N, C-alpha and C. Protein backbone atom coordinates (compact mmCIF):
# COMPACT_ATOMS: atom_id res chain seq x y z
N MET A 1 1.15 -0.75 -0.10
CA MET A 1 0.06 -0.37 0.01
C MET A 1 1.08 1.16 -0.03
N LYS A 2 0.65 2.24 -0.83
CA LYS A 2 1.18 3.34 -1.07
C LYS A 2 0.20 5.33 -0.76
N LYS A 3 1.14 5.70 -0.03
CA LYS A 3 0.33 7.09 -0.64
C LYS A 3 0.84 8.27 -1.39
N LEU A 4 -0.01 8.30 -2.05
CA LEU A 4 0.62 9.49 -3.22
C LEU A 4 0.52 11.11 -2.57
N MET A 5 1.62 11.34 -2.75
CA MET A 5 1.99 12.86 -2.49
C MET A 5 2.83 13.64 -3.60
N PHE A 6 2.09 14.85 -4.38
CA PHE A 6 2.37 15.29 -5.59
C PHE A 6 3.63 16.25 -5.22
N MET A 7 4.73 16.20 -5.79
CA MET A 7 5.69 17.52 -5.59
C MET A 7 6.55 17.41 -6.63
N ASP A 8 6.59 18.93 -7.29
CA ASP A 8 7.42 18.99 -8.09
C ASP A 8 7.76 18.20 -9.32
N GLY A 9 6.22 18.17 -10.08
CA GLY A 9 5.87 17.32 -10.94
C GLY A 9 6.35 15.97 -10.95
N SER A 10 6.47 15.46 -10.44
CA SER A 10 6.49 13.88 -9.91
C SER A 10 5.70 13.43 -8.92
N VAL A 11 5.52 12.46 -8.51
CA VAL A 11 4.65 11.51 -7.30
C VAL A 11 5.20 11.18 -6.85
N LEU A 12 5.65 11.01 -5.00
CA LEU A 12 6.18 10.52 -4.06
C LEU A 12 5.82 9.40 -3.57
N LEU A 13 6.12 8.26 -3.62
CA LEU A 13 5.40 7.20 -3.01
C LEU A 13 5.95 6.59 -1.44
N SER A 14 5.15 6.83 -0.95
CA SER A 14 5.96 5.92 0.79
C SER A 14 4.48 5.82 1.42
N GLU A 15 4.85 4.95 2.52
CA GLU A 15 3.94 4.10 3.52
C GLU A 15 4.55 3.41 4.56
N ASN A 16 5.48 2.61 4.09
CA ASN A 16 5.78 2.16 5.30
C ASN A 16 7.61 2.45 5.76
N PRO A 17 7.77 2.91 7.10
CA PRO A 17 8.46 3.61 7.66
C PRO A 17 9.66 3.04 7.06
N ASN A 18 10.18 1.37 7.43
CA ASN A 18 11.16 0.90 6.63
C ASN A 18 11.63 1.15 5.74
N TYR A 19 11.15 1.37 4.66
CA TYR A 19 11.46 1.80 3.45
C TYR A 19 11.46 3.48 2.91
N GLY A 20 12.34 3.94 1.75
CA GLY A 20 12.32 4.98 1.51
C GLY A 20 11.66 5.70 0.56
N PRO A 21 11.09 6.86 0.54
CA PRO A 21 10.24 7.10 -0.54
C PRO A 21 10.89 6.76 -2.26
N ILE A 22 9.75 6.56 -2.88
CA ILE A 22 10.25 6.14 -4.15
C ILE A 22 9.66 7.62 -5.39
N GLN A 23 10.33 8.16 -5.56
CA GLN A 23 9.74 9.29 -6.35
C GLN A 23 9.87 8.56 -8.14
N MET A 24 8.82 8.97 -8.53
CA MET A 24 8.36 8.75 -9.71
C MET A 24 7.55 9.53 -10.68
N LYS A 25 7.93 9.54 -12.03
CA LYS A 25 6.97 10.15 -13.08
C LYS A 25 5.37 10.12 -13.08
N ARG A 26 4.66 11.15 -12.78
CA ARG A 26 3.15 10.87 -13.40
C ARG A 26 2.51 9.89 -13.90
N GLU A 27 3.13 9.94 -15.11
CA GLU A 27 2.97 9.14 -16.46
C GLU A 27 3.29 7.37 -16.07
N ASP A 28 4.22 7.13 -15.31
CA ASP A 28 4.50 5.97 -14.95
C ASP A 28 3.39 5.29 -13.81
N ILE A 29 2.48 6.21 -13.16
CA ILE A 29 1.89 5.65 -12.32
C ILE A 29 0.59 5.28 -12.30
N VAL A 30 0.44 4.11 -12.14
CA VAL A 30 -1.33 3.05 -12.66
C VAL A 30 -2.11 2.83 -11.16
N ILE A 31 -2.70 3.64 -10.83
CA ILE A 31 -3.62 3.27 -9.84
C ILE A 31 -4.99 2.45 -9.90
N ASN A 32 -4.89 0.92 -9.19
CA ASN A 32 -5.70 0.30 -9.24
C ASN A 32 -6.49 0.03 -8.51
N GLY A 33 -6.56 0.97 -7.24
CA GLY A 33 -7.77 0.48 -6.38
C GLY A 33 -7.41 1.87 -5.54
N LYS A 34 -8.39 1.77 -4.01
CA LYS A 34 -7.90 2.31 -3.25
C LYS A 34 -8.46 1.68 -1.75
N VAL A 35 -7.86 2.16 -0.65
CA VAL A 35 -8.19 1.75 0.67
C VAL A 35 -9.30 2.65 1.27
N ILE A 36 -10.22 1.49 1.50
CA ILE A 36 -11.57 2.38 2.39
C ILE A 36 -11.64 1.83 3.38
N GLY A 37 -11.08 1.15 3.83
CA GLY A 37 -11.50 0.85 5.78
C GLY A 37 -10.06 -0.71 5.61
N VAL A 38 -9.98 -1.05 7.18
CA VAL A 38 -9.06 -1.75 7.53
C VAL A 38 -9.72 -2.30 8.27
N LEU A 39 -9.65 -3.68 8.16
CA LEU A 39 -10.36 -4.50 9.49
C LEU A 39 -9.13 -5.31 10.14
N LYS A 40 -9.50 -4.94 11.89
CA LYS A 40 -8.04 -5.33 12.52
C LYS A 40 -9.00 -6.49 13.50
N GLY A 41 -8.38 -7.43 14.20
CA GLY A 41 -8.72 -8.21 15.43
C GLY A 41 -9.56 -9.18 14.73
N MET A 42 -9.52 -9.83 13.51
CA MET A 42 -10.43 -10.70 12.79
C MET A 42 -9.59 -12.19 13.04
N GLY A 43 -9.06 -12.34 14.27
CA GLY A 43 -8.70 -13.98 15.03
C GLY A 43 -7.52 -14.30 13.85
N HIS A 44 -6.58 -13.68 13.08
CA HIS A 44 -5.67 -14.11 11.82
C HIS A 44 -4.42 -13.92 12.70
């Protein structure tokens, strides 16, 4: 899962603090969907 942040004509993708941000061009990004909720504590 990534978070989009628009900066200086490019897009910075980051969410996990263990990994650094990834700088990409807007035309190279494809969004397949979005998270609308998270279920936790389902016994897994």
